[in-house]
C-alpha cells in the first residue's frame, strides 16, 4: 500500500512544484526519508500525511485514492517557484 501512496505523494509534490528538500523541511524530516517514502521503502505517519495533504490542498483520501489521477490542485499552490519562506509553519 505505501508504495502506491509514495508514488501519489511524489506526483502531488511535483505538481505543486516542491523539491524533496523543501517538503522534508516543511514536514520536519530528513530528505532521505522523503525519498525512501516516495520509493516505497519507508512509511509516513498519518500525521505527516495529513500535514502534507494540507500543504497540497487536498484531503488524505485524495492523496491515497488512485482514482483521483487528475485531481485539480488549488490555485494557491500553482506557483512557478516556491521559496522556503513560503513553507514556514
PDB file of N, CA and C in Angstrom:
ATOM      1  N   UNK A   1       0.823  -1.200   0.000  1.00  0.00           N
ATOM      2  CA  UNK A   1       0.000   0.000   0.000  1.00  0.00           C
ATOM      3  C   UNK A   1       0.860   1.254   0.000  1.00  0.00           C
ATOM      4  N   UNK A   2       1.921   1.306   0.837  1.00  0.00           N
ATOM      5  CA  UNK A   2       2.678   2.549   0.930  1.00  0.00           C
ATOM      6  C   UNK A   2       3.488   2.839  -0.324  1.00  0.00           C
ATOM      7  N   UNK A   3       3.771   1.821  -1.166  1.00  0.00           N
ATOM      8  CA  UNK A   3       4.458   2.087  -2.427  1.00  0.00           C
ATOM      9  C   UNK A   3       3.566   2.929  -3.335  1.00  0.00           C
ATOM     10  N   UNK A   4       2.289   2.569  -3.406  1.00  0.00           N
ATOM     11  CA  UNK A   4       1.325   3.358  -4.177  1.00  0.00           C
ATOM     12  C   UNK A   4       1.198   4.757  -3.581  1.00  0.00           C
ATOM     13  N   UNK A   5       1.104   4.825  -2.276  1.00  0.00           N
ATOM     14  CA  UNK A   5       0.958   6.112  -1.600  1.00  0.00           C
ATOM     15  C   UNK A   5       2.192   6.977  -1.819  1.00  0.00           C
ATOM     16  N   UNK A   6       3.360   6.368  -1.801  1.00  0.00           N
ATOM     17  CA  UNK A   6       4.595   7.111  -2.042  1.00  0.00           C
ATOM     18  C   UNK A   6       4.648   7.710  -3.432  1.00  0.00           C
ATOM     19  N   UNK A   7       4.199   6.955  -4.423  1.00  0.00           N
ATOM     20  CA  UNK A   7       4.210   7.488  -5.791  1.00  0.00           C
ATOM     21  C   UNK A   7       3.162   8.579  -5.955  1.00  0.00           C
ATOM     22  N   UNK A   8       2.019   8.443  -5.286  1.00  0.00           N
ATOM     23  CA  UNK A   8       1.000   9.509  -5.309  1.00  0.00           C
ATOM     24  C   UNK A   8       1.547  10.762  -4.636  1.00  0.00           C
ATOM     25  N   UNK A   9       2.236  10.564  -3.523  1.00  0.00           N
ATOM     26  CA  UNK A   9       2.840  11.686  -2.806  1.00  0.00           C
ATOM     27  C   UNK A   9       3.817  12.419  -3.724  1.00  0.00           C
ATOM     28  N   UNK A  10       4.672  11.668  -4.419  1.00  0.00           N
ATOM     29  CA  UNK A  10       5.644  12.267  -5.339  1.00  0.00           C
ATOM     30  C   UNK A  10       4.930  13.079  -6.422  1.00  0.00           C
ATOM     31  N   UNK A  11       3.859  12.499  -6.970  1.00  0.00           N
ATOM     32  CA  UNK A  11       3.096  13.186  -8.008  1.00  0.00           C
ATOM     33  C   UNK A  11       2.537  14.509  -7.489  1.00  0.00           C
ATOM     34  N   UNK A  12       1.921  14.492  -6.326  1.00  0.00           N
ATOM     35  CA  UNK A  12       1.372  15.719  -5.755  1.00  0.00           C
ATOM     36  C   UNK A  12       2.486  16.723  -5.473  1.00  0.00           C
ATOM     37  N   UNK A  13       3.594  16.264  -4.907  1.00  0.00           N
ATOM     38  CA  UNK A  13       4.714  17.159  -4.592  1.00  0.00           C
ATOM     39  C   UNK A  13       5.226  17.836  -5.857  1.00  0.00           C
ATOM     40  N   UNK A  14       5.393  17.063  -6.913  1.00  0.00           N
ATOM     41  CA  UNK A  14       5.894  17.621  -8.168  1.00  0.00           C
ATOM     42  C   UNK A  14       4.877  18.557  -8.812  1.00  0.00           C
ATOM     43  N   UNK A  15       3.607  18.221  -8.705  1.00  0.00           N
ATOM     44  CA  UNK A  15       2.569  19.068  -9.299  1.00  0.00           C
ATOM     45  C   UNK A  15       2.489  20.438  -8.642  1.00  0.00           C
ATOM     46  N   UNK A  16       2.834  20.521  -7.357  1.00  0.00           N
ATOM     47  CA  UNK A  16       2.826  21.831  -6.700  1.00  0.00           C
ATOM     48  C   UNK A  16       4.189  22.504  -6.770  1.00  0.00           C
ATOM     49  N   UNK A  17       5.161  21.838  -7.396  1.00  0.00           N
ATOM     50  CA  UNK A  17       6.461  22.456  -7.640  1.00  0.00           C
ATOM     51  C   UNK A  17       7.420  22.450  -6.470  1.00  0.00           C
ATOM     52  N   UNK A  18       7.300  21.453  -5.594  1.00  0.00           N
ATOM     53  CA  UNK A  18       8.190  21.366  -4.436  1.00  0.00           C
ATOM     54  C   UNK A  18       9.265  20.313  -4.659  1.00  0.00           C
ATOM     55  N   UNK A  19      10.438  20.584  -4.135  1.00  0.00           N
ATOM     56  CA  UNK A  19      11.512  19.602  -4.159  1.00  0.00           C
ATOM     57  C   UNK A  19      11.391  18.707  -2.927  1.00  0.00           C
ATOM     58  N   UNK A  20      12.121  17.603  -2.947  1.00  0.00           N
ATOM     59  CA  UNK A  20      12.156  16.749  -1.755  1.00  0.00           C
ATOM     60  C   UNK A  20      12.734  17.516  -0.573  1.00  0.00           C
ATOM     61  N   UNK A  21      13.722  18.348  -0.826  1.00  0.00           N
ATOM     62  CA  UNK A  21      14.336  19.124   0.257  1.00  0.00           C
ATOM     63  C   UNK A  21      13.319  20.074   0.884  1.00  0.00           C
ATOM     64  N   UNK A  22      12.525  20.739   0.065  1.00  0.00           N
ATOM     65  CA  UNK A  22      11.533  21.679   0.588  1.00  0.00           C
ATOM     66  C   UNK A  22      10.463  20.969   1.403  1.00  0.00           C
ATOM     67  N   UNK A  23       9.930  19.885   0.883  1.00  0.00           N
ATOM     68  CA  UNK A  23       8.869  19.184   1.606  1.00  0.00           C
ATOM     69  C   UNK A  23       9.415  18.537   2.873  1.00  0.00           C
ATOM     70  N   UNK A  24      10.663  18.077   2.839  1.00  0.00           N
ATOM     71  CA  UNK A  24      11.240  17.469   4.045  1.00  0.00           C
ATOM     72  C   UNK A  24      11.414  18.514   5.141  1.00  0.00           C
ATOM     73  N   UNK A  25      11.832  19.730   4.782  1.00  0.00           N
ATOM     74  CA  UNK A  25      11.945  20.800   5.785  1.00  0.00           C
ATOM     75  C   UNK A  25      10.577  21.142   6.355  1.00  0.00           C
ATOM     76  N   UNK A  26       9.580  21.221   5.498  1.00  0.00           N
ATOM     77  CA  UNK A  26       8.224  21.539   5.942  1.00  0.00           C
ATOM     78  C   UNK A  26       7.696  20.469   6.903  1.00  0.00           C
ATOM     79  N   UNK A  27       7.966  19.215   6.590  1.00  0.00           N
ATOM     80  CA  UNK A  27       7.473  18.116   7.421  1.00  0.00           C
ATOM     81  C   UNK A  27       8.354  17.840   8.631  1.00  0.00           C
ATOM     82  N   UNK A  28       9.567  18.401   8.629  1.00  0.00           N
ATOM     83  CA  UNK A  28      10.478  18.187   9.749  1.00  0.00           C
ATOM     84  C   UNK A  28      11.139  16.824   9.740  1.00  0.00           C
ATOM     85  N   UNK A  29      11.388  16.303   8.538  1.00  0.00           N
ATOM     86  CA  UNK A  29      12.062  15.009   8.398  1.00  0.00           C
ATOM     87  C   UNK A  29      13.249  15.167   7.461  1.00  0.00           C
ATOM     88  N   UNK A  30      14.117  14.173   7.444  1.00  0.00           N
ATOM     89  CA  UNK A  30      15.278  14.194   6.562  1.00  0.00           C
ATOM     90  C   UNK A  30      14.847  13.956   5.114  1.00  0.00           C
ATOM     91  N   UNK A  31      15.570  14.556   4.185  1.00  0.00           N
ATOM     92  CA  UNK A  31      15.251  14.391   2.767  1.00  0.00           C
ATOM     93  C   UNK A  31      15.305  12.921   2.348  1.00  0.00           C
ATOM     94  N   UNK A  32      16.229  12.161   2.907  1.00  0.00           N
ATOM     95  CA  UNK A  32      16.326  10.742   2.549  1.00  0.00           C
ATOM     96  C   UNK A  32      15.069   9.979   2.973  1.00  0.00           C
ATOM     97  N   UNK A  33      14.429  10.429   4.040  1.00  0.00           N
ATOM     98  CA  UNK A  33      13.184   9.807   4.498  1.00  0.00           C
ATOM     99  C   UNK A  33      12.083  10.013   3.462  1.00  0.00           C
ATOM    100  N   UNK A  34      12.007  11.233   2.913  1.00  0.00           N
ATOM    101  CA  UNK A  34      11.024  11.526   1.867  1.00  0.00           C
ATOM    102  C   UNK A  34      11.312  10.673   0.634  1.00  0.00           C
ATOM    103  N   UNK A  35      12.575  10.597   0.251  1.00  0.00           N
ATOM    104  CA  UNK A  35      12.965   9.802  -0.914  1.00  0.00           C
ATOM    105  C   UNK A  35      12.576   8.340  -0.729  1.00  0.00           C
ATOM    106  N   UNK A  36      12.873   7.798   0.438  1.00  0.00           N
ATOM    107  CA  UNK A  36      12.543   6.397   0.709  1.00  0.00           C
ATOM    108  C   UNK A  36      11.035   6.174   0.741  1.00  0.00           C
ATOM    109  N   UNK A  37      10.290   7.140   1.255  1.00  0.00           N
ATOM    110  CA  UNK A  37       8.834   7.021   1.252  1.00  0.00           C
ATOM    111  C   UNK A  37       8.304   7.015  -0.176  1.00  0.00           C
ATOM    112  N   UNK A  38       8.792   7.928  -0.997  1.00  0.00           N
ATOM    113  CA  UNK A  38       8.335   8.006  -2.385  1.00  0.00           C
ATOM    114  C   UNK A  38       8.676   6.741  -3.173  1.00  0.00           C
ATOM    115  N   UNK A  39       9.742   6.066  -2.783  1.00  0.00           N
ATOM    116  CA  UNK A  39      10.162   4.840  -3.466  1.00  0.00           C
ATOM    117  C   UNK A  39       9.616   3.569  -2.813  1.00  0.00           C
ATOM    118  N   UNK A  40       8.749   3.724  -1.820  1.00  0.00           N
ATOM    119  CA  UNK A  40       8.120   2.574  -1.187  1.00  0.00           C
ATOM    120  C   UNK A  40       8.987   1.843  -0.186  1.00  0.00           C
ATOM    121  N   UNK A  41      10.068   2.470   0.269  1.00  0.00           N
ATOM    122  CA  UNK A  41      10.981   1.818   1.205  1.00  0.00           C
ATOM    123  C   UNK A  41      10.702   2.179   2.661  1.00  0.00           C
ATOM    124  N   UNK A  42       9.931   3.222   2.900  1.00  0.00           N
ATOM    125  CA  UNK A  42       9.580   3.666   4.252  1.00  0.00           C
ATOM    126  C   UNK A  42       8.113   4.048   4.274  1.00  0.00           C
ATOM    127  N   UNK A  43       7.576   4.195   5.470  1.00  0.00           N
ATOM    128  CA  UNK A  43       6.200   4.647   5.638  1.00  0.00           C
ATOM    129  C   UNK A  43       6.197   5.994   6.339  1.00  0.00           C
ATOM    130  N   UNK A  44       5.187   6.786   6.060  1.00  0.00           N
ATOM    131  CA  UNK A  44       4.965   8.050   6.764  1.00  0.00           C
ATOM    132  C   UNK A  44       3.896   7.811   7.815  1.00  0.00           C
ATOM    133  N   UNK A  45       3.973   8.559   8.902  1.00  0.00           N
ATOM    134  CA  UNK A  45       2.904   8.508   9.891  1.00  0.00           C
ATOM    135  C   UNK A  45       1.675   9.208   9.313  1.00  0.00           C
ATOM    136  N   UNK A  46       0.536   8.923   9.886  1.00  0.00           N
ATOM    137  CA  UNK A  46      -0.696   9.579   9.454  1.00  0.00           C
ATOM    138  C   UNK A  46      -0.573  11.083   9.649  1.00  0.00           C
ATOM    139  N   UNK A  47       0.060  11.506  10.743  1.00  0.00           N
ATOM    140  CA  UNK A  47       0.232  12.939  10.997  1.00  0.00           C
ATOM    141  C   UNK A  47       1.019  13.620   9.882  1.00  0.00           C
ATOM    142  N   UNK A  48       2.096  12.983   9.407  1.00  0.00           N
ATOM    143  CA  UNK A  48       2.879  13.561   8.309  1.00  0.00           C
ATOM    144  C   UNK A  48       2.068  13.605   7.023  1.00  0.00           C
ATOM    145  N   UNK A  49       1.301  12.574   6.767  1.00  0.00           N
ATOM    146  CA  UNK A  49       0.472  12.547   5.559  1.00  0.00           C
ATOM    147  C   UNK A  49      -0.598  13.634   5.596  1.00  0.00           C
ATOM    148  N   UNK A  50      -1.189  13.841   6.753  1.00  0.00           N
ATOM    149  CA  UNK A  50      -2.197  14.895   6.894  1.00  0.00           C
ATOM    150  C   UNK A  50      -1.563  16.262   6.683  1.00  0.00           C
ATOM    151  N   UNK A  51      -0.398  16.480   7.264  1.00  0.00           N
ATOM    152  CA  UNK A  51       0.301  17.757   7.101  1.00  0.00           C
ATOM    153  C   UNK A  51       0.645  18.003   5.630  1.00  0.00           C
ATOM    154  N   UNK A  52       1.099  16.975   4.938  1.00  0.00           N
ATOM    155  CA  UNK A  52       1.424  17.103   3.516  1.00  0.00           C
ATOM    156  C   UNK A  52       0.163  17.370   2.702  1.00  0.00           C
ATOM    157  N   UNK A  53      -0.906  16.658   3.000  1.00  0.00           N
ATOM    158  CA  UNK A  53      -2.164  16.857   2.271  1.00  0.00           C
ATOM    159  C   UNK A  53      -2.664  18.285   2.438  1.00  0.00           C
ATOM    160  N   UNK A  54      -2.529  18.833   3.636  1.00  0.00           N
ATOM    161  CA  UNK A  54      -2.929  20.223   3.863  1.00  0.00           C
ATOM    162  C   UNK A  54      -2.103  21.167   3.002  1.00  0.00           C
ATOM    163  N   UNK A  55      -0.810  20.903   2.902  1.00  0.00           N
ATOM    164  CA  UNK A  55       0.059  21.727   2.062  1.00  0.00           C
ATOM    165  C   UNK A  55      -0.336  21.595   0.596  1.00  0.00           C
ATOM    166  N   UNK A  56      -0.669  20.390   0.169  1.00  0.00           N
ATOM    167  CA  UNK A  56      -1.057  20.149  -1.217  1.00  0.00           C
ATOM    168  C   UNK A  56      -2.464  20.672  -1.518  1.00  0.00           C
ATOM    169  N   UNK A  57      -3.229  20.987  -0.469  1.00  0.00           N
ATOM    170  CA  UNK A  57      -4.592  21.478  -0.669  1.00  0.00           C
ATOM    171  C   UNK A  57      -5.575  20.381  -1.017  1.00  0.00           C
ATOM    172  N   UNK A  58      -5.336  19.197  -0.468  1.00  0.00           N
ATOM    173  CA  UNK A  58      -6.231  18.068  -0.721  1.00  0.00           C
ATOM    174  C   UNK A  58      -6.487  17.348   0.594  1.00  0.00           C
ATOM    175  N   UNK A  59      -7.321  16.345   0.543  1.00  0.00           N
ATOM    176  CA  UNK A  59      -7.570  15.535   1.730  1.00  0.00           C
ATOM    177  C   UNK A  59      -6.644  14.325   1.720  1.00  0.00           C
ATOM    178  N   UNK A  60      -6.564  13.667   2.842  1.00  0.00           N
ATOM    179  CA  UNK A  60      -5.786  12.433   2.923  1.00  0.00           C
ATOM    180  C   UNK A  60      -6.380  11.386   1.981  1.00  0.00           C
ATOM    181  N   UNK A  61      -7.690  11.369   1.875  1.00  0.00           N
ATOM    182  CA  UNK A  61      -8.355  10.438   0.957  1.00  0.00           C
ATOM    183  C   UNK A  61      -7.959  10.730  -0.494  1.00  0.00           C
ATOM    184  N   UNK A  62      -7.899  12.016  -0.863  1.00  0.00           N
ATOM    185  CA  UNK A  62      -7.468  12.383  -2.218  1.00  0.00           C
ATOM    186  C   UNK A  62      -6.061  11.876  -2.490  1.00  0.00           C
ATOM    187  N   UNK A  63      -5.202  12.022  -1.503  1.00  0.00           N
ATOM    188  CA  UNK A  63      -3.810  11.613  -1.649  1.00  0.00           C
ATOM    189  C   UNK A  63      -3.689  10.099  -1.817  1.00  0.00           C
ATOM    190  N   UNK A  64      -4.541   9.364  -1.135  1.00  0.00           N
ATOM    191  CA  UNK A  64      -4.448   7.902  -1.150  1.00  0.00           C
ATOM    192  C   UNK A  64      -5.247   7.239  -2.269  1.00  0.00           C
ATOM    193  N   UNK A  65      -6.167   7.961  -2.888  1.00  0.00           N
ATOM    194  CA  UNK A  65      -7.075   7.359  -3.863  1.00  0.00           C
ATOM    195  C   UNK A  65      -6.490   7.384  -5.272  1.00  0.00           C
ATOM    196  N   UNK A  66      -6.178   6.217  -5.837  1.00  0.00           N
ATOM    197  CA  UNK A  66      -5.597   6.175  -7.185  1.00  0.00           C
ATOM    198  C   UNK A  66      -6.585   6.569  -8.277  1.00  0.00           C
ATOM    199  N   UNK A  67      -7.863   6.643  -7.950  1.00  0.00           N
ATOM    200  CA  UNK A  67      -8.868   7.019  -8.946  1.00  0.00           C
ATOM    201  C   UNK A  67      -8.957   8.527  -9.153  1.00  0.00           C
ATOM    202  N   UNK A  68      -8.220   9.288  -8.371  1.00  0.00           N
ATOM    203  CA  UNK A  68      -8.215  10.744  -8.491  1.00  0.00           C
ATOM    204  C   UNK A  68      -6.976  11.212  -9.238  1.00  0.00           C
ATOM    205  N   UNK A  69      -6.666  10.598 -10.346  1.00  0.00           N
ATOM    206  CA  UNK A  69      -5.441  10.915 -11.092  1.00  0.00           C
ATOM    207  C   UNK A  69      -5.357  12.368 -11.528  1.00  0.00           C
ATOM    208  N   UNK A  70      -6.463  12.957 -11.921  1.00  0.00           N
ATOM    209  CA  UNK A  70      -6.446  14.324 -12.427  1.00  0.00           C
ATOM    210  C   UNK A  70      -7.078  15.303 -11.459  1.00  0.00           C
ATOM    211  N   UNK A  71      -6.934  15.033 -10.190  1.00  0.00           N
ATOM    212  CA  UNK A  71      -7.483  15.902  -9.166  1.00  0.00           C
ATOM    213  C   UNK A  71      -6.871  17.293  -9.299  1.00  0.00           C
ATOM    214  N   UNK A  72      -7.698  18.330  -9.492  1.00  0.00           N
ATOM    215  CA  UNK A  72      -7.129  19.673  -9.598  1.00  0.00           C
ATOM    216  C   UNK A  72      -6.617  20.142  -8.248  1.00  0.00           C
ATOM    217  N   UNK A  73      -5.460  20.764  -8.257  1.00  0.00           N
ATOM    218  CA  UNK A  73      -4.894  21.301  -7.031  1.00  0.00           C
ATOM    219  C   UNK A  73      -5.276  22.764  -6.920  1.00  0.00           C
ATOM    220  N   UNK A  74      -5.371  23.288  -5.697  1.00  0.00           N
ATOM    221  CA  UNK A  74      -5.759  24.682  -5.517  1.00  0.00           C
ATOM    222  C   UNK A  74      -4.812  25.635  -6.245  1.00  0.00           C
ATOM    223  N   UNK A  75      -5.375  26.704  -6.747  1.00  0.00           N
ATOM    224  CA  UNK A  75      -4.593  27.705  -7.466  1.00  0.00           C
ATOM    225  C   UNK A  75      -3.488  28.283  -6.600  1.00  0.00           C
ATOM    226  N   UNK A  76      -3.711  28.371  -5.311  1.00  0.00           N
ATOM    227  CA  UNK A  76      -2.726  28.974  -4.416  1.00  0.00           C
ATOM    228  C   UNK A  76      -1.386  28.263  -4.462  1.00  0.00           C
ATOM    229  N   UNK A  77      -1.374  26.973  -4.768  1.00  0.00           N
ATOM    230  CA  UNK A  77      -0.117  26.237  -4.794  1.00  0.00           C
ATOM    231  C   UNK A  77       0.455  26.096  -6.200  1.00  0.00           C
ATOM    232  N   UNK A  78      -0.174  26.692  -7.181  1.00  0.00           N
ATOM    233  CA  UNK A  78       0.329  26.612  -8.547  1.00  0.00           C
ATOM    234  C   UNK A  78       1.304  27.748  -8.801  1.00  0.00           C
ATOM    235  N   UNK A  79       2.419  27.681  -8.151  1.00  0.00           N
ATOM    236  CA  UNK A  79       3.447  28.699  -8.311  1.00  0.00           C
ATOM    237  C   UNK A  79       4.571  28.138  -9.162  1.00  0.00           C
ATOM    238  N   UNK A  80       5.232  29.016  -9.878  1.00  0.00           N
ATOM    239  CA  UNK A  80       6.348  28.540 -10.681  1.00  0.00           C
ATOM    240  C   UNK A  80       7.575  28.321  -9.819  1.00  0.00           C
ATOM    241  N   UNK A  81       7.643  29.017  -8.706  1.00  0.00           N
ATOM    242  CA  UNK A  81       8.779  28.851  -7.810  1.00  0.00           C
ATOM    243  C   UNK A  81       8.318  29.055  -6.377  1.00  0.00           C
ATOM    244  N   UNK A  82       8.533  28.080  -5.541  1.00  0.00           N
ATOM    245  CA  UNK A  82       8.154  28.158  -4.142  1.00  0.00           C
ATOM    246  C   UNK A  82       9.418  28.370  -3.328  1.00  0.00           C
ATOM    247  N   UNK A  83       9.413  29.405  -2.531  1.00  0.00           N
ATOM    248  CA  UNK A  83      10.553  29.717  -1.681  1.00  0.00           C
ATOM    249  C   UNK A  83      10.387  29.022  -0.330  1.00  0.00           C
ATOM    250  N   UNK A  84      11.496  28.786   0.356  1.00  0.00           N
ATOM    251  CA  UNK A  84      11.438  28.161   1.678  1.00  0.00           C
ATOM    252  C   UNK A  84      10.567  28.974   2.633  1.00  0.00           C
ATOM    253  N   UNK A  85      10.587  30.301   2.501  1.00  0.00           N
ATOM    254  CA  UNK A  85       9.793  31.164   3.378  1.00  0.00           C
ATOM    255  C   UNK A  85       8.294  30.898   3.205  1.00  0.00           C
ATOM    256  N   UNK A  86       7.903  30.465   2.012  1.00  0.00           N
ATOM    257  CA  UNK A  86       6.501  30.167   1.751  1.00  0.00           C
ATOM    258  C   UNK A  86       6.030  28.939   2.521  1.00  0.00           C
ATOM    259  N   UNK A  87       6.960  28.123   2.962  1.00  0.00           N
ATOM    260  CA  UNK A  87       6.624  26.867   3.632  1.00  0.00           C
ATOM    261  C   UNK A  87       6.768  26.944   5.141  1.00  0.00           C
ATOM    262  N   UNK A  88       6.970  28.136   5.681  1.00  0.00           N
ATOM    263  CA  UNK A  88       7.136  28.274   7.118  1.00  0.00           C
ATOM    264  C   UNK A  88       5.866  27.857   7.828  1.00  0.00           C
ATOM    265  N   UNK A  89       6.038  27.117   8.896  1.00  0.00           N
ATOM    266  CA  UNK A  89       4.901  26.598   9.650  1.00  0.00           C
ATOM    267  C   UNK A  89       4.475  27.609  10.681  1.00  0.00           C
TER     268      UNK A  89
END
